[in-house]
Amino acid sequence: MSFIRNISLALSVFSVSLLFIATTTEAQHTIYLVRHAEKQTGYSDPSLTDQGKVRAEALAEYLKDKNITAVFSSDYKRTLETAAPSAEQAGVAIRKYDPRELAQMKGQLSLLKGATLVVGHSNTTPKLFNLLTGLEYSDLEEHQYDHIYIVKTIVGGEVSHGIQYLEPRTP
């Protein structure tokens, strides 16, 4: 009888161990942070230029195999237009966020799983990346539109990060 109990206990411990391993590897969350694409000038809420529209499509192409489950954008034409091709491709609605409330956005992102795109601005995108990673990147220059900040989190709080660049590169 005690032999059967020991086997049963061993199987229970093994099952819990497998559950823990599966949970920690599957619960990864990847966040892609980008600044809006090239914008028109001379307007208070400008749309994208033709080049910006091409970049927004290139972003959607870059993200097509990333299993995007959520797309966030500030409530400006240029950010919404940048996010639109990726959201459409992923089959999700664009969720709006306030770029002045980045701590709140960080909290919102911490509740998600899967892959998320966040489209912001030259000053807010690096700041949100810094909040998520504890790093100190400076704001993007006005002419920089090619950065893709990537933050990966795993259950237990482990964070990895990196930056990739979307073509065409900007000086």
N, C-alpha and C. Protein backbone atom coordinates (compact mmCIF):
# COMPACT_ATOMS: atom_id res chain seq x y z
N MET A 1 0.82 -1.19 0.00
CA MET A 1 0.00 0.00 0.00
C MET A 1 0.87 1.26 0.00
N SER A 2 1.94 1.28 0.82
CA SER A 2 2.80 2.46 0.85
C SER A 2 3.56 2.61 -0.47
N PHE A 3 3.85 1.50 -1.15
CA PHE A 3 4.51 1.56 -2.45
C PHE A 3 3.61 2.30 -3.46
N ILE A 4 2.33 1.98 -3.47
CA ILE A 4 1.37 2.62 -4.37
C ILE A 4 1.23 4.09 -4.02
N ARG A 5 1.21 4.42 -2.73
CA ARG A 5 1.12 5.81 -2.29
C ARG A 5 2.35 6.58 -2.75
N ASN A 6 3.55 5.99 -2.64
CA ASN A 6 4.79 6.65 -3.07
C ASN A 6 4.78 6.89 -4.58
N ILE A 7 4.30 5.89 -5.33
CA ILE A 7 4.21 6.06 -6.78
C ILE A 7 3.23 7.18 -7.11
N SER A 8 2.10 7.20 -6.43
CA SER A 8 1.09 8.24 -6.65
C SER A 8 1.64 9.62 -6.31
N LEU A 9 2.37 9.73 -5.22
CA LEU A 9 2.99 11.00 -4.83
C LEU A 9 4.04 11.42 -5.85
N ALA A 10 4.85 10.49 -6.30
CA ALA A 10 5.88 10.79 -7.30
C ALA A 10 5.25 11.28 -8.59
N LEU A 11 4.16 10.64 -9.02
CA LEU A 11 3.47 11.09 -10.24
C LEU A 11 2.87 12.47 -10.05
N SER A 12 2.34 12.76 -8.88
CA SER A 12 1.78 14.09 -8.61
C SER A 12 2.86 15.15 -8.68
N VAL A 13 4.00 14.90 -8.07
CA VAL A 13 5.12 15.85 -8.11
C VAL A 13 5.59 16.05 -9.54
N PHE A 14 5.69 14.96 -10.31
CA PHE A 14 6.12 15.02 -11.70
C PHE A 14 5.12 15.85 -12.52
N SER A 15 3.83 15.63 -12.30
CA SER A 15 2.80 16.38 -13.02
C SER A 15 2.88 17.87 -12.71
N VAL A 16 3.05 18.22 -11.44
CA VAL A 16 3.19 19.62 -11.04
C VAL A 16 4.43 20.22 -11.68
N SER A 17 5.53 19.47 -11.74
CA SER A 17 6.76 19.95 -12.36
C SER A 17 6.53 20.22 -13.84
N LEU A 18 5.86 19.31 -14.54
CA LEU A 18 5.56 19.53 -15.95
C LEU A 18 4.67 20.74 -16.14
N LEU A 19 3.68 20.92 -15.29
CA LEU A 19 2.79 22.07 -15.36
C LEU A 19 3.58 23.36 -15.19
N PHE A 20 4.51 23.39 -14.23
CA PHE A 20 5.33 24.57 -13.99
C PHE A 20 6.19 24.88 -15.22
N ILE A 21 6.81 23.85 -15.80
CA ILE A 21 7.66 24.05 -16.98
C ILE A 21 6.82 24.57 -18.13
N ALA A 22 5.66 23.97 -18.37
CA ALA A 22 4.79 24.41 -19.46
C ALA A 22 4.33 25.84 -19.24
N THR A 23 3.97 26.18 -18.02
CA THR A 23 3.49 27.52 -17.71
C THR A 23 4.57 28.56 -17.93
N THR A 24 5.79 28.29 -17.49
CA THR A 24 6.83 29.29 -17.61
C THR A 24 7.27 29.48 -19.05
N THR A 25 7.24 28.44 -19.87
CA THR A 25 7.68 28.62 -21.24
C THR A 25 6.56 29.16 -22.13
N GLU A 26 5.31 28.86 -21.84
CA GLU A 26 4.21 29.30 -22.67
C GLU A 26 3.71 30.69 -22.30
N ALA A 27 4.00 31.16 -21.13
CA ALA A 27 3.44 32.43 -20.67
C ALA A 27 4.29 33.62 -21.05
N GLN A 28 5.09 33.49 -22.08
CA GLN A 28 5.94 34.59 -22.52
C GLN A 28 5.08 35.66 -23.19
N HIS A 29 5.45 36.91 -22.97
CA HIS A 29 4.76 38.05 -23.57
C HIS A 29 5.81 38.89 -24.29
N THR A 30 5.59 39.15 -25.55
CA THR A 30 6.49 39.98 -26.33
C THR A 30 5.79 41.27 -26.70
N ILE A 31 6.46 42.38 -26.44
CA ILE A 31 5.90 43.70 -26.74
C ILE A 31 6.80 44.36 -27.78
N TYR A 32 6.19 44.79 -28.87
CA TYR A 32 6.89 45.52 -29.93
C TYR A 32 6.47 46.97 -29.82
N LEU A 33 7.44 47.85 -29.60
CA LEU A 33 7.17 49.28 -29.44
C LEU A 33 7.76 50.03 -30.63
N VAL A 34 6.95 50.82 -31.30
CA VAL A 34 7.44 51.60 -32.44
C VAL A 34 6.90 53.02 -32.37
N ARG A 35 7.68 53.89 -32.95
CA ARG A 35 7.20 55.26 -33.17
C ARG A 35 6.36 55.22 -34.44
N HIS A 36 5.41 56.14 -34.57
CA HIS A 36 4.63 56.24 -35.81
C HIS A 36 5.57 56.42 -37.00
N ALA A 37 5.09 56.10 -38.17
CA ALA A 37 5.87 56.25 -39.40
C ALA A 37 5.92 57.73 -39.82
N GLU A 38 6.62 57.99 -40.92
CA GLU A 38 6.82 59.36 -41.40
C GLU A 38 5.49 60.09 -41.55
N LYS A 39 5.48 61.32 -41.03
CA LYS A 39 4.25 62.11 -41.00
C LYS A 39 4.37 63.34 -41.91
N GLN A 40 3.21 63.85 -42.32
CA GLN A 40 3.17 65.10 -43.07
C GLN A 40 3.54 66.24 -42.12
N THR A 41 3.93 67.35 -42.67
CA THR A 41 4.26 68.50 -41.84
C THR A 41 3.25 69.62 -42.09
N GLY A 42 3.17 70.55 -41.13
CA GLY A 42 2.30 71.71 -41.29
C GLY A 42 0.89 71.50 -40.77
N TYR A 43 0.65 70.41 -40.07
CA TYR A 43 -0.69 70.14 -39.53
C TYR A 43 -0.57 69.86 -38.04
N SER A 44 -1.63 70.12 -37.28
CA SER A 44 -1.60 69.84 -35.85
C SER A 44 -1.77 68.34 -35.56
N ASP A 45 -2.49 67.63 -36.42
CA ASP A 45 -2.66 66.18 -36.28
C ASP A 45 -2.46 65.56 -37.66
N PRO A 46 -1.20 65.49 -38.11
CA PRO A 46 -0.94 65.07 -39.48
C PRO A 46 -1.15 63.58 -39.73
N SER A 47 -1.48 63.29 -40.98
CA SER A 47 -1.53 61.91 -41.46
C SER A 47 -0.13 61.48 -41.88
N LEU A 48 -0.02 60.23 -42.29
CA LEU A 48 1.26 59.73 -42.78
C LEU A 48 1.52 60.22 -44.20
N THR A 49 2.79 60.36 -44.52
CA THR A 49 3.19 60.62 -45.90
C THR A 49 3.07 59.30 -46.68
N ASP A 50 3.28 59.36 -47.99
CA ASP A 50 3.30 58.12 -48.78
C ASP A 50 4.40 57.19 -48.27
N GLN A 51 5.55 57.75 -47.94
CA GLN A 51 6.65 56.94 -47.39
C GLN A 51 6.25 56.33 -46.05
N GLY A 52 5.53 57.09 -45.24
CA GLY A 52 5.04 56.57 -43.96
C GLY A 52 4.07 55.42 -44.14
N LYS A 53 3.21 55.52 -45.15
CA LYS A 53 2.26 54.43 -45.44
C LYS A 53 3.01 53.16 -45.85
N VAL A 54 4.07 53.33 -46.63
CA VAL A 54 4.89 52.18 -47.02
C VAL A 54 5.55 51.57 -45.79
N ARG A 55 6.03 52.42 -44.87
CA ARG A 55 6.65 51.91 -43.64
C ARG A 55 5.63 51.18 -42.77
N ALA A 56 4.40 51.70 -42.68
CA ALA A 56 3.36 51.03 -41.89
C ALA A 56 3.07 49.64 -42.46
N GLU A 57 3.06 49.52 -43.78
CA GLU A 57 2.87 48.20 -44.42
C GLU A 57 4.07 47.29 -44.15
N ALA A 58 5.28 47.88 -44.16
CA ALA A 58 6.48 47.09 -43.87
C ALA A 58 6.46 46.58 -42.43
N LEU A 59 5.94 47.38 -41.52
CA LEU A 59 5.81 46.95 -40.12
C LEU A 59 4.85 45.76 -40.04
N ALA A 60 3.73 45.83 -40.73
CA ALA A 60 2.77 44.72 -40.74
C ALA A 60 3.43 43.46 -41.31
N GLU A 61 4.22 43.63 -42.33
CA GLU A 61 4.93 42.49 -42.92
C GLU A 61 5.92 41.89 -41.91
N TYR A 62 6.65 42.75 -41.22
CA TYR A 62 7.60 42.31 -40.19
C TYR A 62 6.89 41.51 -39.09
N LEU A 63 5.68 41.96 -38.71
CA LEU A 63 4.95 41.35 -37.61
C LEU A 63 4.06 40.18 -38.01
N LYS A 64 3.97 39.87 -39.29
CA LYS A 64 2.96 38.91 -39.75
C LYS A 64 3.08 37.53 -39.11
N ASP A 65 4.26 37.09 -38.76
CA ASP A 65 4.44 35.77 -38.14
C ASP A 65 4.67 35.86 -36.63
N LYS A 66 4.39 37.01 -36.03
CA LYS A 66 4.66 37.22 -34.61
C LYS A 66 3.43 36.94 -33.73
N ASN A 67 2.32 36.54 -34.32
CA ASN A 67 1.10 36.21 -33.57
C ASN A 67 0.62 37.36 -32.68
N ILE A 68 0.48 38.51 -33.27
CA ILE A 68 0.02 39.70 -32.55
C ILE A 68 -1.42 39.46 -32.06
N THR A 69 -1.63 39.69 -30.76
CA THR A 69 -2.95 39.51 -30.17
C THR A 69 -3.57 40.83 -29.70
N ALA A 70 -2.77 41.90 -29.65
CA ALA A 70 -3.27 43.21 -29.23
C ALA A 70 -2.44 44.30 -29.91
N VAL A 71 -3.12 45.38 -30.31
CA VAL A 71 -2.46 46.54 -30.91
C VAL A 71 -2.96 47.78 -30.19
N PHE A 72 -2.01 48.58 -29.71
CA PHE A 72 -2.33 49.83 -29.02
C PHE A 72 -1.77 51.01 -29.82
N SER A 73 -2.48 52.12 -29.78
CA SER A 73 -2.05 53.34 -30.44
C SER A 73 -2.53 54.53 -29.65
N SER A 74 -1.75 55.61 -29.68
CA SER A 74 -2.27 56.86 -29.14
C SER A 74 -3.33 57.36 -30.12
N ASP A 75 -4.11 58.35 -29.73
CA ASP A 75 -5.25 58.80 -30.51
C ASP A 75 -4.88 59.93 -31.47
N TYR A 76 -3.90 59.69 -32.32
CA TYR A 76 -3.48 60.64 -33.33
C TYR A 76 -3.52 59.95 -34.68
N LYS A 77 -3.81 60.71 -35.74
CA LYS A 77 -3.91 60.11 -37.08
C LYS A 77 -2.65 59.31 -37.42
N ARG A 78 -1.47 59.90 -37.20
CA ARG A 78 -0.23 59.25 -37.62
C ARG A 78 0.02 57.92 -36.91
N THR A 79 -0.35 57.83 -35.62
CA THR A 79 -0.14 56.57 -34.90
C THR A 79 -1.21 55.55 -35.29
N LEU A 80 -2.44 55.99 -35.42
CA LEU A 80 -3.52 55.08 -35.82
C LEU A 80 -3.27 54.53 -37.23
N GLU A 81 -2.79 55.40 -38.14
CA GLU A 81 -2.50 54.96 -39.50
C GLU A 81 -1.30 54.01 -39.54
N THR A 82 -0.36 54.19 -38.64
CA THR A 82 0.78 53.27 -38.56
C THR A 82 0.34 51.92 -38.03
N ALA A 83 -0.55 51.91 -37.06
CA ALA A 83 -1.01 50.68 -36.43
C ALA A 83 -2.01 49.90 -37.31
N ALA A 84 -2.74 50.59 -38.15
CA ALA A 84 -3.86 49.98 -38.89
C ALA A 84 -3.49 48.73 -39.69
N PRO A 85 -2.45 48.75 -40.53
CA PRO A 85 -2.15 47.53 -41.30
C PRO A 85 -1.82 46.32 -40.41
N SER A 86 -1.12 46.54 -39.32
CA SER A 86 -0.78 45.44 -38.41
C SER A 86 -2.01 44.91 -37.69
N ALA A 87 -2.90 45.81 -37.25
CA ALA A 87 -4.12 45.39 -36.58
C ALA A 87 -5.02 44.62 -37.54
N GLU A 88 -5.14 45.11 -38.75
CA GLU A 88 -5.98 44.44 -39.74
C GLU A 88 -5.44 43.04 -40.03
N GLN A 89 -4.14 42.96 -40.23
CA GLN A 89 -3.52 41.66 -40.51
C GLN A 89 -3.73 40.67 -39.36
N ALA A 90 -3.65 41.17 -38.12
CA ALA A 90 -3.81 40.31 -36.94
C ALA A 90 -5.29 40.03 -36.62
N GLY A 91 -6.19 40.79 -37.24
CA GLY A 91 -7.61 40.61 -36.98
C GLY A 91 -8.05 41.11 -35.62
N VAL A 92 -7.40 42.19 -35.15
CA VAL A 92 -7.74 42.77 -33.85
C VAL A 92 -8.06 44.25 -34.02
N ALA A 93 -8.85 44.77 -33.10
CA ALA A 93 -9.16 46.21 -33.10
C ALA A 93 -8.01 46.96 -32.43
N ILE A 94 -7.80 48.18 -32.85
CA ILE A 94 -6.79 49.04 -32.23
C ILE A 94 -7.35 49.56 -30.91
N ARG A 95 -6.59 49.39 -29.85
CA ARG A 95 -6.96 49.93 -28.54
C ARG A 95 -6.20 51.24 -28.35
N LYS A 96 -6.89 52.26 -27.93
CA LYS A 96 -6.24 53.56 -27.73
C LYS A 96 -5.71 53.67 -26.31
N TYR A 97 -4.58 54.37 -26.17
CA TYR A 97 -4.00 54.64 -24.86
C TYR A 97 -3.53 56.08 -24.82
N ASP A 98 -3.37 56.59 -23.62
CA ASP A 98 -2.92 57.97 -23.42
C ASP A 98 -1.40 57.96 -23.28
N PRO A 99 -0.66 58.55 -24.22
CA PRO A 99 0.80 58.54 -24.14
C PRO A 99 1.35 59.36 -22.98
N ARG A 100 0.49 60.14 -22.31
CA ARG A 100 0.92 60.88 -21.12
C ARG A 100 0.82 60.03 -19.87
N GLU A 101 0.25 58.84 -19.98
CA GLU A 101 0.04 57.93 -18.84
C GLU A 101 0.80 56.62 -19.07
N LEU A 102 2.10 56.71 -19.20
CA LEU A 102 2.91 55.53 -19.54
C LEU A 102 2.98 54.52 -18.40
N ALA A 103 2.94 54.97 -17.16
CA ALA A 103 2.94 54.03 -16.03
C ALA A 103 1.66 53.19 -16.06
N GLN A 104 0.56 53.82 -16.38
CA GLN A 104 -0.71 53.09 -16.50
C GLN A 104 -0.63 52.10 -17.67
N MET A 105 -0.01 52.52 -18.76
CA MET A 105 0.13 51.63 -19.91
C MET A 105 1.00 50.43 -19.56
N LYS A 106 2.07 50.68 -18.82
CA LYS A 106 2.93 49.58 -18.38
C LYS A 106 2.11 48.55 -17.60
N GLY A 107 1.26 49.02 -16.70
CA GLY A 107 0.41 48.13 -15.92
C GLY A 107 -0.54 47.34 -16.80
N GLN A 108 -1.10 48.00 -17.79
CA GLN A 108 -2.01 47.33 -18.72
C GLN A 108 -1.27 46.24 -19.50
N LEU A 109 -0.07 46.56 -19.97
CA LEU A 109 0.72 45.59 -20.73
C LEU A 109 1.12 44.39 -19.89
N SER A 110 1.33 44.60 -18.60
CA SER A 110 1.76 43.51 -17.73
C SER A 110 0.67 42.45 -17.55
N LEU A 111 -0.56 42.78 -17.88
CA LEU A 111 -1.68 41.84 -17.74
C LEU A 111 -1.88 40.97 -18.98
N LEU A 112 -1.17 41.28 -20.05
CA LEU A 112 -1.38 40.59 -21.32
C LEU A 112 -0.41 39.43 -21.51
N LYS A 113 -0.80 38.51 -22.37
CA LYS A 113 0.07 37.41 -22.82
C LYS A 113 0.08 37.44 -24.33
N GLY A 114 1.00 36.73 -24.92
CA GLY A 114 1.09 36.70 -26.38
C GLY A 114 2.01 37.78 -26.87
N ALA A 115 1.65 38.39 -27.99
CA ALA A 115 2.47 39.45 -28.60
C ALA A 115 1.62 40.70 -28.79
N THR A 116 2.21 41.84 -28.49
CA THR A 116 1.50 43.11 -28.51
C THR A 116 2.31 44.14 -29.28
N LEU A 117 1.64 44.96 -30.07
CA LEU A 117 2.24 46.12 -30.73
C LEU A 117 1.75 47.37 -30.05
N VAL A 118 2.67 48.29 -29.75
CA VAL A 118 2.33 49.60 -29.20
C VAL A 118 2.95 50.66 -30.10
N VAL A 119 2.11 51.53 -30.65
CA VAL A 119 2.59 52.60 -31.53
C VAL A 119 2.49 53.92 -30.77
N GLY A 120 3.61 54.62 -30.70
CA GLY A 120 3.68 55.88 -29.97
C GLY A 120 4.44 56.94 -30.73
N HIS A 121 5.23 57.69 -30.00
CA HIS A 121 5.89 58.89 -30.53
C HIS A 121 7.38 58.87 -30.23
N SER A 122 8.09 59.85 -30.77
CA SER A 122 9.55 59.91 -30.63
C SER A 122 9.99 60.04 -29.18
N ASN A 123 9.15 60.64 -28.35
CA ASN A 123 9.51 60.80 -26.93
C ASN A 123 8.86 59.75 -26.03
N THR A 124 7.70 59.22 -26.41
CA THR A 124 7.01 58.28 -25.53
C THR A 124 7.43 56.83 -25.73
N THR A 125 7.80 56.47 -26.95
CA THR A 125 8.18 55.08 -27.22
C THR A 125 9.42 54.68 -26.44
N PRO A 126 10.52 55.45 -26.48
CA PRO A 126 11.68 55.08 -25.66
C PRO A 126 11.39 55.13 -24.16
N LYS A 127 10.55 56.07 -23.74
CA LYS A 127 10.21 56.16 -22.30
C LYS A 127 9.46 54.91 -21.84
N LEU A 128 8.53 54.41 -22.65
CA LEU A 128 7.81 53.20 -22.28
C LEU A 128 8.76 52.00 -22.28
N PHE A 129 9.65 51.95 -23.25
CA PHE A 129 10.67 50.89 -23.27
C PHE A 129 11.50 50.94 -21.99
N ASN A 130 11.89 52.12 -21.58
CA ASN A 130 12.66 52.29 -20.34
C ASN A 130 11.87 51.82 -19.12
N LEU A 131 10.60 52.17 -19.06
CA LEU A 131 9.75 51.72 -17.94
C LEU A 131 9.65 50.20 -17.87
N LEU A 132 9.56 49.57 -19.03
CA LEU A 132 9.41 48.12 -19.08
C LEU A 132 10.71 47.37 -18.79
N THR A 133 11.85 48.01 -19.07
CA THR A 133 13.14 47.31 -18.95
C THR A 133 14.04 47.83 -17.83
N GLY A 134 13.78 49.04 -17.34
CA GLY A 134 14.67 49.64 -16.36
C GLY A 134 15.89 50.28 -16.99
N LEU A 135 15.89 50.45 -18.29
CA LEU A 135 17.01 51.06 -19.01
C LEU A 135 16.82 52.56 -19.14
N GLU A 136 17.77 53.23 -19.77
CA GLU A 136 17.72 54.69 -19.93
C GLU A 136 18.02 55.09 -21.37
N TYR A 137 17.14 54.75 -22.29
CA TYR A 137 17.31 55.20 -23.67
C TYR A 137 16.75 56.61 -23.81
N SER A 138 17.40 57.43 -24.64
CA SER A 138 16.92 58.80 -24.86
C SER A 138 15.85 58.82 -25.95
N ASP A 139 15.17 59.95 -26.08
CA ASP A 139 14.14 60.11 -27.09
C ASP A 139 14.73 59.92 -28.48
N LEU A 140 13.87 59.53 -29.41
CA LEU A 140 14.30 59.41 -30.80
C LEU A 140 14.44 60.81 -31.41
N GLU A 141 15.33 60.93 -32.36
CA GLU A 141 15.46 62.18 -33.11
C GLU A 141 14.23 62.34 -34.02
N GLU A 142 13.94 63.55 -34.39
CA GLU A 142 12.75 63.82 -35.20
C GLU A 142 12.74 63.03 -36.52
N HIS A 143 13.89 62.71 -37.07
CA HIS A 143 13.98 62.02 -38.35
C HIS A 143 14.05 60.49 -38.23
N GLN A 144 14.01 59.95 -37.03
CA GLN A 144 14.14 58.51 -36.82
C GLN A 144 12.78 57.82 -36.74
N TYR A 145 12.55 56.91 -37.67
CA TYR A 145 11.28 56.19 -37.73
C TYR A 145 11.47 54.67 -37.80
N ASP A 146 12.69 54.19 -37.73
CA ASP A 146 12.96 52.79 -38.05
C ASP A 146 13.15 51.86 -36.85
N HIS A 147 13.15 52.38 -35.63
CA HIS A 147 13.41 51.55 -34.44
C HIS A 147 12.21 50.67 -34.07
N ILE A 148 12.49 49.42 -33.78
CA ILE A 148 11.50 48.51 -33.20
C ILE A 148 12.08 48.05 -31.87
N TYR A 149 11.54 48.56 -30.78
CA TYR A 149 11.98 48.16 -29.45
C TYR A 149 11.22 46.88 -29.10
N ILE A 150 11.94 45.88 -28.60
CA ILE A 150 11.31 44.60 -28.29
C ILE A 150 11.58 44.25 -26.83
N VAL A 151 10.51 43.92 -26.11
CA VAL A 151 10.61 43.52 -24.70
C VAL A 151 9.91 42.17 -24.57
N LYS A 152 10.64 41.19 -24.03
CA LYS A 152 10.07 39.86 -23.79
C LYS A 152 10.07 39.60 -22.29
N THR A 153 8.91 39.22 -21.78
CA THR A 153 8.81 38.89 -20.36
C THR A 153 8.34 37.45 -20.22
N ILE A 154 8.80 36.81 -19.17
CA ILE A 154 8.45 35.43 -18.87
C ILE A 154 7.96 35.40 -17.43
N VAL A 155 7.04 34.49 -17.13
CA VAL A 155 6.54 34.34 -15.76
C VAL A 155 7.73 34.28 -14.82
N GLY A 156 7.64 35.00 -13.73
CA GLY A 156 8.75 35.08 -12.79
C GLY A 156 9.47 36.42 -12.91
N GLY A 157 9.08 37.22 -13.92
CA GLY A 157 9.63 38.56 -14.03
C GLY A 157 10.88 38.72 -14.86
N GLU A 158 11.40 37.64 -15.44
CA GLU A 158 12.59 37.76 -16.27
C GLU A 158 12.26 38.57 -17.52
N VAL A 159 13.12 39.54 -17.85
CA VAL A 159 12.89 40.41 -18.99
C VAL A 159 14.12 40.38 -19.90
N SER A 160 13.89 40.22 -21.19
CA SER A 160 14.96 40.40 -22.16
C SER A 160 14.51 41.50 -23.11
N HIS A 161 15.44 42.13 -23.77
CA HIS A 161 15.09 43.28 -24.61
C HIS A 161 16.06 43.41 -25.76
N GLY A 162 15.67 44.17 -26.74
CA GLY A 162 16.53 44.43 -27.88
C GLY A 162 15.91 45.49 -28.77
N ILE A 163 16.67 45.90 -29.76
CA ILE A 163 16.18 46.86 -30.74
C ILE A 163 16.51 46.30 -32.12
N GLN A 164 15.52 46.29 -32.99
CA GLN A 164 15.73 45.96 -34.39
C GLN A 164 15.36 47.18 -35.20
N TYR A 165 15.67 47.12 -36.49
CA TYR A 165 15.43 48.28 -37.34
C TYR A 165 14.63 47.86 -38.56
N LEU A 166 13.63 48.66 -38.86
CA LEU A 166 12.76 48.40 -39.99
C LEU A 166 13.32 49.13 -41.20
N GLU A 167 13.33 48.46 -42.33
CA GLU A 167 13.78 49.07 -43.58
C GLU A 167 12.67 49.93 -44.16
N PRO A 168 12.95 51.03 -44.81
CA PRO A 168 14.30 51.56 -44.98
C PRO A 168 14.78 52.23 -43.69
N ARG A 169 16.06 52.11 -43.46
CA ARG A 169 16.67 52.74 -42.29
C ARG A 169 16.62 54.25 -42.43
N THR A 170 16.50 54.93 -41.30
CA THR A 170 16.56 56.39 -41.31
C THR A 170 17.88 56.81 -40.69
N PRO A 171 18.43 57.93 -41.17
CA PRO A 171 19.75 58.36 -40.67
C PRO A 171 19.76 58.68 -39.18
